[in-house]
Amino acid sequence: METRVALIGIMVENPDSVGELNQLLHEYGSYIIGRMGIPYKERGINIISVAIDAPQDKINALSGKIGRLNGISAKTVYSNLKENK
């Protein structure tokens, strides 16, 4: 199956949704290469980047589910690199 490498940028403006976000990331954990979170206390938000290597439909599903959480937005950037696994 062909996989893509992507980066999902996540802005967390509602800390009450963090539990749901972490649950989603746990569900897709087998595809996640790594993640980095930066608390921006001056603005009261958290910035998270998630590197992922997965089939495109899995990446789209995760990004869409994250974006539907209250007070959380997500955007995805894809590498041109493709690989069959």
C-alpha atoms as a PDB file:
ATOM      1  CA  MET A   1       0.000   0.000   0.000  1.00  0.00           C
ATOM      2  CA  GLU A   2       1.309   3.452  -0.925  1.00  0.00           C
ATOM      3  CA  THR A   3       2.092   5.772   1.977  1.00  0.00           C
ATOM      4  CA  ARG A   4       2.837   9.479   2.200  1.00  0.00           C
ATOM      5  CA  VAL A   5       4.961  11.464   4.602  1.00  0.00           C
ATOM      6  CA  ALA A   6       3.113  14.468   5.990  1.00  0.00           C
ATOM      7  CA  LEU A   7       3.205  17.048   8.735  1.00  0.00           C
ATOM      8  CA  ILE A   8      -0.001  17.957  10.556  1.00  0.00           C
ATOM      9  CA  GLY A   9       0.122  21.390  12.199  1.00  0.00           C
ATOM     10  CA  ILE A  10      -2.318  21.693  15.098  1.00  0.00           C
ATOM     11  CA  MET A  11      -3.403  24.812  17.017  1.00  0.00           C
ATOM     12  CA  VAL A  12      -5.095  24.118  20.348  1.00  0.00           C
ATOM     13  CA  GLU A  13      -7.137  27.076  21.586  1.00  0.00           C
ATOM     14  CA  ASN A  14      -9.479  25.081  23.852  1.00  0.00           C
ATOM     15  CA  PRO A  15      -7.632  23.058  26.516  1.00  0.00           C
ATOM     16  CA  ASP A  16     -10.835  21.136  27.269  1.00  0.00           C
ATOM     17  CA  SER A  17     -10.417  19.279  23.944  1.00  0.00           C
ATOM     18  CA  VAL A  18      -6.887  18.033  24.649  1.00  0.00           C
ATOM     19  CA  GLY A  19      -8.103  14.666  25.965  1.00  0.00           C
ATOM     20  CA  GLU A  20      -9.995  13.967  22.739  1.00  0.00           C
ATOM     21  CA  LEU A  21      -6.976  15.084  20.696  1.00  0.00           C
ATOM     22  CA  ASN A  22      -4.642  12.767  22.593  1.00  0.00           C
ATOM     23  CA  GLN A  23      -7.088   9.875  22.091  1.00  0.00           C
ATOM     24  CA  LEU A  24      -7.069  10.446  18.326  1.00  0.00           C
ATOM     25  CA  LEU A  25      -3.275  10.620  18.228  1.00  0.00           C
ATOM     26  CA  HIS A  26      -3.136   7.389  20.229  1.00  0.00           C
ATOM     27  CA  GLU A  27      -5.491   5.670  17.736  1.00  0.00           C
ATOM     28  CA  TYR A  28      -3.180   6.602  14.848  1.00  0.00           C
ATOM     29  CA  GLY A  29       0.010   6.036  16.856  1.00  0.00           C
ATOM     30  CA  SER A  30       1.298   3.246  14.604  1.00  0.00           C
ATOM     31  CA  TYR A  31       1.631   5.786  11.758  1.00  0.00           C
ATOM     32  CA  ILE A  32       3.112   8.653  13.762  1.00  0.00           C
ATOM     33  CA  ILE A  33       6.859   9.221  13.324  1.00  0.00           C
ATOM     34  CA  GLY A  34       7.069  11.876  16.034  1.00  0.00           C
ATOM     35  CA  ARG A  35       5.366  14.867  17.567  1.00  0.00           C
ATOM     36  CA  MET A  36       6.385  18.134  19.180  1.00  0.00           C
ATOM     37  CA  GLY A  37       4.265  20.407  21.332  1.00  0.00           C
ATOM     38  CA  ILE A  38       5.003  24.025  22.148  1.00  0.00           C
ATOM     39  CA  PRO A  39       2.984  25.847  24.807  1.00  0.00           C
ATOM     40  CA  TYR A  40       2.604  29.524  23.907  1.00  0.00           C
ATOM     41  CA  LYS A  41       1.600  30.882  27.289  1.00  0.00           C
ATOM     42  CA  GLU A  42       1.531  34.544  26.233  1.00  0.00           C
ATOM     43  CA  ARG A  43      -1.300  33.740  23.790  1.00  0.00           C
ATOM     44  CA  GLY A  44      -2.905  30.913  25.755  1.00  0.00           C
ATOM     45  CA  ILE A  45      -2.557  28.352  22.957  1.00  0.00           C
ATOM     46  CA  ASN A  46      -0.577  25.187  22.277  1.00  0.00           C
ATOM     47  CA  ILE A  47       1.095  24.487  18.950  1.00  0.00           C
ATOM     48  CA  ILE A  48       1.635  20.846  18.011  1.00  0.00           C
ATOM     49  CA  SER A  49       3.330  19.328  14.983  1.00  0.00           C
ATOM     50  CA  VAL A  50       2.831  15.672  14.124  1.00  0.00           C
ATOM     51  CA  ALA A  51       5.009  13.897  11.536  1.00  0.00           C
ATOM     52  CA  ILE A  52       3.227  10.909  10.006  1.00  0.00           C
ATOM     53  CA  ASP A  53       3.920   8.202   7.400  1.00  0.00           C
ATOM     54  CA  ALA A  54       0.622   6.610   6.378  1.00  0.00           C
ATOM     55  CA  PRO A  55      -1.749   5.958   3.489  1.00  0.00           C
ATOM     56  CA  GLN A  56      -3.276   9.233   2.317  1.00  0.00           C
ATOM     57  CA  ASP A  57      -6.772   8.236   3.439  1.00  0.00           C
ATOM     58  CA  LYS A  58      -5.520   7.681   7.008  1.00  0.00           C
ATOM     59  CA  ILE A  59      -3.774  11.063   7.051  1.00  0.00           C
ATOM     60  CA  ASN A  60      -6.904  12.783   5.720  1.00  0.00           C
ATOM     61  CA  ALA A  61      -9.097  10.995   8.261  1.00  0.00           C
ATOM     62  CA  LEU A  62      -6.892  11.969  11.200  1.00  0.00           C
ATOM     63  CA  SER A  63      -6.551  15.591  10.094  1.00  0.00           C
ATOM     64  CA  GLY A  64     -10.302  15.863   9.517  1.00  0.00           C
ATOM     65  CA  LYS A  65     -11.160  14.366  12.909  1.00  0.00           C
ATOM     66  CA  ILE A  66      -8.716  16.718  14.633  1.00  0.00           C
ATOM     67  CA  GLY A  67     -10.145  19.726  12.798  1.00  0.00           C
ATOM     68  CA  ARG A  68     -13.669  18.884  13.992  1.00  0.00           C
ATOM     69  CA  LEU A  69     -12.681  19.078  17.658  1.00  0.00           C
ATOM     70  CA  ASN A  70     -13.951  22.165  19.476  1.00  0.00           C
ATOM     71  CA  GLY A  71     -11.283  24.887  19.631  1.00  0.00           C
ATOM     72  CA  ILE A  72      -8.707  22.941  17.611  1.00  0.00           C
ATOM     73  CA  SER A  73      -7.625  23.562  14.034  1.00  0.00           C
ATOM     74  CA  ALA A  74      -5.339  21.475  11.833  1.00  0.00           C
ATOM     75  CA  LYS A  75      -3.630  21.801   8.467  1.00  0.00           C
ATOM     76  CA  THR A  76      -1.634  19.154   6.635  1.00  0.00           C
ATOM     77  CA  VAL A  77       1.435  19.508   4.420  1.00  0.00           C
ATOM     78  CA  TYR A  78       2.505  16.556   2.264  1.00  0.00           C
ATOM     79  CA  SER A  79       5.920  15.489   1.026  1.00  0.00           C
ATOM     80  CA  ASN A  80       6.184  14.555  -2.654  1.00  0.00           C
ATOM     81  CA  LEU A  81       7.864  11.329  -1.523  1.00  0.00           C
ATOM     82  CA  LYS A  82       5.686   8.232  -2.025  1.00  0.00           C
ATOM     83  CA  GLU A  83       6.478   4.662  -1.034  1.00  0.00           C
ATOM     84  CA  ASN A  84       4.797   1.294  -1.362  1.00  0.00           C
ATOM     85  CA  LYS A  85       4.783  -0.689   1.854  1.00  0.00           C
END
